[in-house]
Amino acid sequence: MIFGKFFGAMRAQLNKLANLFWEADPIAQMQYEYDMAVEQLKEGRLGLEQYRGLVERVGRQVKEGEAAVAKLTAQAKAYLKSGDRETAATFALQLTKARATLEENKQQLAMHEGAYGNNLKKIQFANKKLVEVKDKISKYDADLKMSSAEAEVAKLTQSFNMDVTTDFGQLEDVIQRKIDTNRGKARVASDLSNEGIDHIAAEEKMEKSMADDALKDLEVELGMRAPETTPVMQASKDLGPAEEAAPAKERPAKETEKA
């Protein structure tokens, strides 16, 4: 009773272990079973070839028996025609034995031919089934790999979801915050670069005006340009009739320059 329970428990554990291996890689198990069946089929084919040799040997014995019967029949008839009944009787006895042997060999040949034909059909059927099993193994292997790939793609698709609750979503938020920070730094730098531009522009304008005045003074000094009179005339208009004679005094100077 105790040993029975012990062996039962051991059998259950071994069965569990076998199921574990089967479920771990069913394609490999199918391939193993297929290889075993192929080996058995090879052994069966070898046995069939040997059996066919027996059939061929019995068939040859049948042909030899038929030839012996034909020869003994002809000899018996020849001795009967020649009147030698004693010798004809000897050949007739041999003919009877030869016919019995021939009949037995024919029965053996029929039996062996039938057995060979049945075994041949079984092996042919098994070979056909093995071809189908091989195709199924290839198909199952491809389907299993494809379904596994589809499962991985579905898992990756879920992982790549840019939701804030996923790792990728959180990483995307970190990246966006870094981008915003960098853009903020660039904007601050741009705003700071415009500071004092108006002052610089005004100073540059003043320097340009001073340069123009210096150039005009140089041209007057070199005699390349007459002194500007427009400001004086404007001043005389502002002062009234008492100072209108000033332009008349400047005319001789202009005429002198022309002379």
Protein backbone atom coordinates (compact mmCIF):
# COMPACT_ATOMS: atom_id res chain seq x y z
CA MET A 1 0.00 0.00 0.00
CA ILE A 2 2.76 2.44 0.98
CA PHE A 3 4.90 1.47 -2.02
CA GLY A 4 1.91 1.93 -4.28
CA LYS A 5 1.38 5.48 -3.03
CA PHE A 6 5.09 6.18 -3.32
CA PHE A 7 5.30 5.02 -6.94
CA GLY A 8 2.07 6.87 -7.69
CA ALA A 9 3.55 10.10 -6.34
CA MET A 10 6.76 9.51 -8.30
CA ARG A 11 4.76 8.88 -11.46
CA ALA A 12 2.82 12.10 -10.91
CA GLN A 13 6.02 14.11 -10.45
CA LEU A 14 7.58 12.58 -13.57
CA ASN A 15 4.42 13.32 -15.51
CA LYS A 16 4.53 16.93 -14.29
CA LEU A 17 8.18 17.19 -15.34
CA ALA A 18 7.38 15.72 -18.76
CA ASN A 19 4.52 18.19 -19.21
CA LEU A 20 6.89 21.00 -18.26
CA PHE A 21 9.31 20.02 -21.03
CA TRP A 22 6.47 19.59 -23.51
CA GLU A 23 5.05 23.03 -22.77
CA ALA A 24 8.49 24.68 -22.75
CA ASP A 25 9.19 23.89 -26.41
CA PRO A 26 6.38 21.95 -28.11
CA ILE A 27 7.90 22.40 -31.56
CA ALA A 28 11.11 20.69 -30.43
CA GLN A 29 9.04 17.86 -28.95
CA MET A 30 7.12 17.47 -32.21
CA GLN A 31 10.39 17.44 -34.14
CA TYR A 32 11.75 14.79 -31.75
CA GLU A 33 8.67 12.61 -32.25
CA TYR A 34 8.95 13.09 -36.00
CA ASP A 35 12.62 12.07 -35.99
CA MET A 36 11.78 8.98 -33.95
CA ALA A 37 9.01 8.05 -36.39
CA VAL A 38 11.40 8.53 -39.31
CA GLU A 39 13.89 6.16 -37.68
CA GLN A 40 11.18 3.59 -37.10
CA LEU A 41 10.07 3.99 -40.69
CA LYS A 42 13.63 3.39 -41.86
CA GLU A 43 13.79 0.22 -39.80
CA GLY A 44 10.43 -0.87 -41.20
CA ARG A 45 11.63 -0.22 -44.72
CA LEU A 46 14.76 -2.27 -44.07
CA GLY A 47 12.63 -5.12 -42.78
CA LEU A 48 10.37 -4.82 -45.80
CA GLU A 49 13.36 -5.05 -48.11
CA GLN A 50 14.48 -8.23 -46.36
CA TYR A 51 10.98 -9.63 -46.57
CA ARG A 52 10.88 -8.83 -50.25
CA GLY A 53 14.03 -10.89 -50.60
CA LEU A 54 12.15 -13.84 -49.10
CA VAL A 55 9.29 -13.28 -51.53
CA GLU A 56 11.69 -13.18 -54.46
CA ARG A 57 13.32 -16.42 -53.29
CA VAL A 58 9.96 -18.21 -53.00
CA GLY A 59 8.99 -16.84 -56.40
CA ARG A 60 12.19 -18.21 -57.86
CA GLN A 61 11.42 -21.59 -56.27
CA VAL A 62 7.97 -21.51 -57.87
CA LYS A 63 9.49 -20.83 -61.28
CA GLU A 64 12.02 -23.61 -60.80
CA GLY A 65 9.22 -25.95 -59.65
CA GLU A 66 7.17 -25.10 -62.74
CA ALA A 67 10.15 -25.81 -64.94
CA ALA A 68 10.82 -29.12 -63.10
CA VAL A 69 7.18 -30.17 -63.44
CA ALA A 70 7.21 -29.37 -67.15
CA LYS A 71 10.45 -31.32 -67.63
CA LEU A 72 9.29 -34.36 -65.63
CA THR A 73 5.98 -34.39 -67.51
CA ALA A 74 7.78 -34.38 -70.85
CA GLN A 75 10.14 -37.17 -69.72
CA ALA A 76 7.32 -39.33 -68.42
CA LYS A 77 5.40 -38.91 -71.67
CA ALA A 78 8.51 -39.75 -73.70
CA TYR A 79 9.15 -42.97 -71.78
CA LEU A 80 5.50 -43.92 -72.02
CA LYS A 81 5.60 -43.46 -75.78
CA SER A 82 8.75 -45.56 -75.98
CA GLY A 83 7.04 -48.34 -74.00
CA ASP A 84 9.37 -48.05 -70.99
CA ARG A 85 6.69 -47.94 -68.31
CA GLU A 86 9.05 -48.62 -65.44
CA THR A 87 11.19 -45.57 -66.18
CA ALA A 88 8.03 -43.59 -66.96
CA ALA A 89 6.64 -44.58 -63.54
CA THR A 90 9.81 -43.27 -61.86
CA PHE A 91 9.44 -39.92 -63.59
CA ALA A 92 5.70 -39.95 -62.81
CA LEU A 93 6.49 -40.33 -59.07
CA GLN A 94 9.02 -37.51 -59.25
CA LEU A 95 6.43 -35.43 -61.10
CA THR A 96 3.88 -36.00 -58.33
CA LYS A 97 6.37 -34.83 -55.68
CA ALA A 98 7.41 -31.86 -57.82
CA ARG A 99 3.80 -30.82 -58.27
CA ALA A 100 3.17 -31.03 -54.53
CA THR A 101 6.26 -28.92 -53.82
CA LEU A 102 5.22 -26.47 -56.51
CA GLU A 103 1.75 -26.11 -55.05
CA GLU A 104 3.16 -25.53 -51.60
CA ASN A 105 5.57 -22.90 -52.94
CA LYS A 106 2.73 -21.21 -54.81
CA GLN A 107 0.72 -20.99 -51.62
CA GLN A 108 3.73 -19.62 -49.77
CA LEU A 109 4.34 -17.12 -52.55
CA ALA A 110 0.72 -15.93 -52.48
CA MET A 111 0.85 -15.55 -48.72
CA HIS A 112 4.16 -13.68 -48.77
CA GLU A 113 3.07 -11.45 -51.65
CA GLY A 114 -0.07 -10.53 -49.69
CA ALA A 115 1.89 -9.80 -46.53
CA TYR A 116 4.47 -7.80 -48.47
CA GLY A 117 1.74 -5.79 -50.17
CA ASN A 118 0.04 -5.00 -46.85
CA ASN A 119 3.28 -3.96 -45.19
CA LEU A 120 4.21 -1.90 -48.22
CA LYS A 121 0.90 -0.03 -48.01
CA LYS A 122 1.42 0.57 -44.30
CA ILE A 123 4.88 2.00 -44.85
CA GLN A 124 3.68 4.12 -47.76
CA PHE A 125 0.83 5.43 -45.61
CA ALA A 126 3.20 6.12 -42.71
CA ASN A 127 5.58 7.93 -45.06
CA LYS A 128 2.70 10.06 -46.33
CA LYS A 129 1.68 10.88 -42.77
CA LEU A 130 5.24 11.79 -41.89
CA VAL A 131 5.35 14.23 -44.80
CA GLU A 132 2.12 15.77 -43.52
CA VAL A 133 3.51 15.93 -39.98
CA LYS A 134 6.66 17.61 -41.25
CA ASP A 135 4.58 20.23 -43.05
CA LYS A 136 2.51 20.73 -39.89
CA ILE A 137 5.63 21.16 -37.80
CA SER A 138 6.89 23.84 -40.19
CA LYS A 139 3.49 25.54 -40.18
CA TYR A 140 3.12 25.36 -36.41
CA ASP A 141 6.66 26.66 -35.94
CA ALA A 142 5.94 29.60 -38.24
CA ASP A 143 2.56 30.28 -36.59
CA LEU A 144 4.07 30.07 -33.12
CA LYS A 145 6.86 32.49 -34.02
CA MET A 146 4.42 34.83 -35.75
CA SER A 147 2.02 34.81 -32.79
CA SER A 148 4.94 35.43 -30.43
CA ALA A 149 6.07 38.35 -32.61
CA GLU A 150 2.54 39.75 -32.66
CA ALA A 151 2.38 39.52 -28.87
CA GLU A 152 5.71 41.34 -28.57
CA VAL A 153 4.54 44.03 -31.01
CA ALA A 154 1.34 44.47 -29.00
CA LYS A 155 3.38 44.76 -25.81
CA LEU A 156 5.72 47.31 -27.42
CA THR A 157 2.79 49.27 -28.79
CA GLN A 158 1.40 49.51 -25.29
CA SER A 159 4.81 50.48 -23.92
CA PHE A 160 5.31 53.14 -26.59
CA ASN A 161 2.06 54.85 -25.63
CA MET A 162 2.98 58.43 -24.74
CA ASP A 163 0.62 58.56 -21.80
CA VAL A 164 1.84 60.35 -18.69
CA THR A 165 1.35 57.14 -16.72
CA THR A 166 3.86 55.18 -18.82
CA ASP A 167 7.65 55.36 -18.73
CA PHE A 168 7.78 56.79 -22.24
CA GLY A 169 5.20 59.40 -21.33
CA GLN A 170 7.19 60.47 -18.28
CA LEU A 171 10.40 60.59 -20.30
CA GLU A 172 8.69 62.67 -22.94
CA ASP A 173 7.57 65.11 -20.23
CA VAL A 174 11.16 65.40 -18.96
CA ILE A 175 12.40 66.05 -22.51
CA GLN A 176 9.73 68.70 -23.11
CA ARG A 177 10.62 70.45 -19.84
CA LYS A 178 14.30 70.48 -20.85
CA ILE A 179 13.34 71.91 -24.24
CA ASP A 180 11.25 74.61 -22.54
CA THR A 181 14.15 75.45 -20.21
CA ASN A 182 16.60 75.73 -23.13
CA ARG A 183 14.19 77.92 -25.08
CA GLY A 184 13.75 80.11 -21.99
CA LYS A 185 17.51 80.55 -21.71
CA ALA A 186 17.72 81.46 -25.38
CA ARG A 187 14.91 84.01 -25.01
CA VAL A 188 16.59 85.60 -21.97
CA ALA A 189 19.87 85.81 -23.86
CA SER A 190 18.08 87.41 -26.79
CA ASP A 191 16.32 89.93 -24.57
CA LEU A 192 19.58 90.80 -22.79
CA SER A 193 21.34 91.27 -26.12
CA ASN A 194 18.90 94.13 -26.98
CA GLU A 195 19.72 96.01 -23.77
CA GLY A 196 21.49 99.41 -24.45
CA ILE A 197 20.87 99.23 -28.20
CA ASP A 198 19.08 102.61 -28.21
CA HIS A 199 21.96 104.26 -26.36
CA ILE A 200 24.49 102.72 -28.73
CA ALA A 201 22.45 103.82 -31.75
CA ALA A 202 22.17 107.40 -30.42
CA GLU A 203 25.90 107.54 -29.74
CA GLU A 204 26.67 106.20 -33.22
CA LYS A 205 24.33 108.83 -34.72
CA MET A 206 26.06 111.57 -32.74
CA GLU A 207 29.49 110.38 -33.86
CA LYS A 208 28.30 110.30 -37.48
CA SER A 209 27.00 113.90 -37.17
CA MET A 210 30.27 115.07 -35.64
CA ALA A 211 32.21 113.32 -38.41
CA ASP A 212 30.09 115.08 -41.04
CA ASP A 213 30.68 118.48 -39.40
CA ALA A 214 34.43 117.86 -39.18
CA LEU A 215 34.49 116.91 -42.83
CA LYS A 216 32.62 120.07 -43.82
CA ASP A 217 35.00 122.22 -41.80
CA LEU A 218 37.95 120.55 -43.52
CA GLU A 219 36.41 121.19 -46.94
CA VAL A 220 35.90 124.91 -46.06
CA GLU A 221 39.44 125.12 -44.76
CA LEU A 222 40.80 123.65 -48.00
CA GLY A 223 38.64 125.99 -50.09
CA MET A 224 36.68 123.09 -51.49
CA ARG A 225 33.48 124.28 -49.92
CA ALA A 226 32.02 127.71 -49.11
CA PRO A 227 31.02 128.41 -45.55
CA GLU A 228 27.36 127.75 -44.92
CA THR A 229 25.33 130.98 -44.77
CA THR A 230 21.92 129.60 -44.15
CA PRO A 231 22.14 129.73 -40.35
CA VAL A 232 23.24 133.45 -40.47
CA MET A 233 20.40 134.46 -42.74
CA GLN A 234 18.03 132.69 -40.47
CA ALA A 235 19.50 134.55 -37.51
CA SER A 236 19.11 137.94 -39.30
CA LYS A 237 15.49 137.23 -39.91
CA ASP A 238 15.06 136.54 -36.28
CA LEU A 239 16.94 139.71 -35.16
CA GLY A 240 15.10 142.25 -37.44
CA PRO A 241 16.07 145.18 -39.82
CA ALA A 242 19.01 146.41 -37.72
CA GLU A 243 21.18 143.43 -38.73
CA GLU A 244 20.11 142.96 -42.39
CA ALA A 245 23.30 144.72 -43.66
CA ALA A 246 25.47 141.77 -42.70
CA PRO A 247 24.74 139.78 -45.85
CA ALA A 248 25.72 142.78 -48.00
CA LYS A 249 29.17 142.79 -46.49
CA GLU A 250 29.58 139.11 -47.43
CA ARG A 251 28.90 139.72 -51.15
CA PRO A 252 32.31 141.18 -52.00
CA ALA A 253 33.88 138.13 -50.44
CA LYS A 254 31.88 135.87 -52.71
CA GLU A 255 32.71 138.01 -55.75
CA THR A 256 36.40 137.94 -54.75
CA GLU A 257 36.24 134.12 -54.57
CA LYS A 258 34.67 134.04 -58.01
CA ALA A 259 37.35 136.41 -59.43
